[in-house]
């Protein structure tokens, strides 16, 4: 048998190299769905729609002691920040 050897765990389970390669490939539909989500997020950011999930991730990483705003509070704060003048940013 030529080619690269399979990891011991795969050999023990009787997996072939071909099966392992098929398992590692993502389905084209899944890649298309990821691309669609990326495009939708990019379009929302381009027109100024805030991303609550990104905000929560930022707060948890950069400000660990702080509790994130609720989605409603976040939306109100983002709208006031967008249309207010002279306000600074947190980071």
Protein backbone atom coordinates (compact mmCIF):
# COMPACT_ATOMS: atom_id res chain seq x y z
CA UNK A 1 0.00 0.00 0.00
CA UNK A 2 1.57 3.31 -1.09
CA UNK A 3 1.10 6.86 0.09
CA UNK A 4 0.94 8.35 3.54
CA UNK A 5 0.14 6.18 6.52
CA UNK A 6 -3.07 6.78 8.39
CA UNK A 7 -2.99 7.89 12.01
CA UNK A 8 -3.12 4.99 14.48
CA UNK A 9 -6.65 5.90 15.59
CA UNK A 10 -7.93 5.63 12.00
CA UNK A 11 -6.08 2.36 11.39
CA UNK A 12 -7.56 0.91 14.58
CA UNK A 13 -11.08 1.84 13.42
CA UNK A 14 -10.51 0.37 9.97
CA UNK A 15 -10.86 3.67 8.13
CA UNK A 16 -9.39 3.92 4.67
CA UNK A 17 -7.49 6.93 3.34
CA UNK A 18 -10.30 7.61 0.86
CA UNK A 19 -12.95 7.64 3.56
CA UNK A 20 -10.84 9.92 5.68
CA UNK A 21 -10.45 12.37 2.77
CA UNK A 22 -14.21 12.37 2.15
CA UNK A 23 -14.87 13.06 5.82
CA UNK A 24 -12.55 16.08 5.83
CA UNK A 25 -14.13 17.80 2.82
CA UNK A 26 -16.98 20.17 3.44
CA UNK A 27 -20.06 19.86 1.32
CA UNK A 28 -20.43 22.56 -1.35
CA UNK A 29 -23.79 23.54 0.17
CA UNK A 30 -22.14 24.21 3.56
CA UNK A 31 -19.47 26.35 1.91
CA UNK A 32 -22.16 28.24 -0.01
CA UNK A 33 -24.11 28.82 3.23
CA UNK A 34 -20.96 30.18 4.92
CA UNK A 35 -20.35 32.50 1.97
CA UNK A 36 -23.97 33.73 2.12
CA UNK A 37 -23.69 34.48 5.87
CA UNK A 38 -20.44 36.35 5.27
CA UNK A 39 -22.00 38.41 2.44
CA UNK A 40 -25.09 39.20 4.51
CA UNK A 41 -22.98 40.33 7.47
CA UNK A 42 -20.78 42.46 5.20
CA UNK A 43 -23.83 44.09 3.61
CA UNK A 44 -25.35 44.85 7.02
CA UNK A 45 -22.13 46.45 8.21
CA UNK A 46 -21.81 48.47 4.99
CA UNK A 47 -25.22 50.08 5.52
CA UNK A 48 -24.68 50.60 9.25
CA UNK A 49 -26.69 47.80 10.84
CA UNK A 50 -24.87 46.81 14.07
CA UNK A 51 -23.88 43.21 14.82
CA UNK A 52 -25.03 42.21 18.32
CA UNK A 53 -23.13 38.89 18.34
CA UNK A 54 -19.85 40.65 17.51
CA UNK A 55 -20.57 43.20 20.26
CA UNK A 56 -21.14 40.46 22.86
CA UNK A 57 -17.92 38.68 21.81
CA UNK A 58 -16.01 41.98 22.09
CA UNK A 59 -17.39 42.77 25.55
CA UNK A 60 -16.57 39.31 26.86
CA UNK A 61 -13.02 39.47 25.51
CA UNK A 62 -12.05 43.13 26.09
CA UNK A 63 -14.17 43.94 29.16
CA UNK A 64 -14.52 40.68 31.16
CA UNK A 65 -16.06 42.28 34.27
CA UNK A 66 -18.78 44.08 32.33
CA UNK A 67 -22.22 42.63 31.54
CA UNK A 68 -23.23 43.03 27.86
CA UNK A 69 -26.32 45.09 27.06
CA UNK A 70 -29.52 43.34 26.07
CA UNK A 71 -30.35 43.33 22.34
CA UNK A 72 -32.87 46.13 22.86
CA UNK A 73 -30.45 48.28 24.84
CA UNK A 74 -27.76 47.61 22.23
CA UNK A 75 -30.04 48.70 19.37
CA UNK A 76 -31.04 51.93 21.16
CA UNK A 77 -27.43 52.73 22.07
CA UNK A 78 -26.20 52.10 18.53
CA UNK A 79 -28.89 54.34 17.04
CA UNK A 80 -28.10 57.17 19.46
CA UNK A 81 -24.36 56.74 18.83
CA UNK A 82 -24.88 56.77 15.09
CA UNK A 83 -26.84 60.01 15.05
CA UNK A 84 -25.11 61.83 17.97
CA UNK A 85 -22.13 64.13 17.55
CA UNK A 86 -18.97 64.36 19.63
CA UNK A 87 -19.11 60.97 21.36
CA UNK A 88 -16.00 58.81 21.69
CA UNK A 89 -15.56 55.08 21.26
CA UNK A 90 -14.70 52.53 23.92
CA UNK A 91 -11.65 51.14 22.10
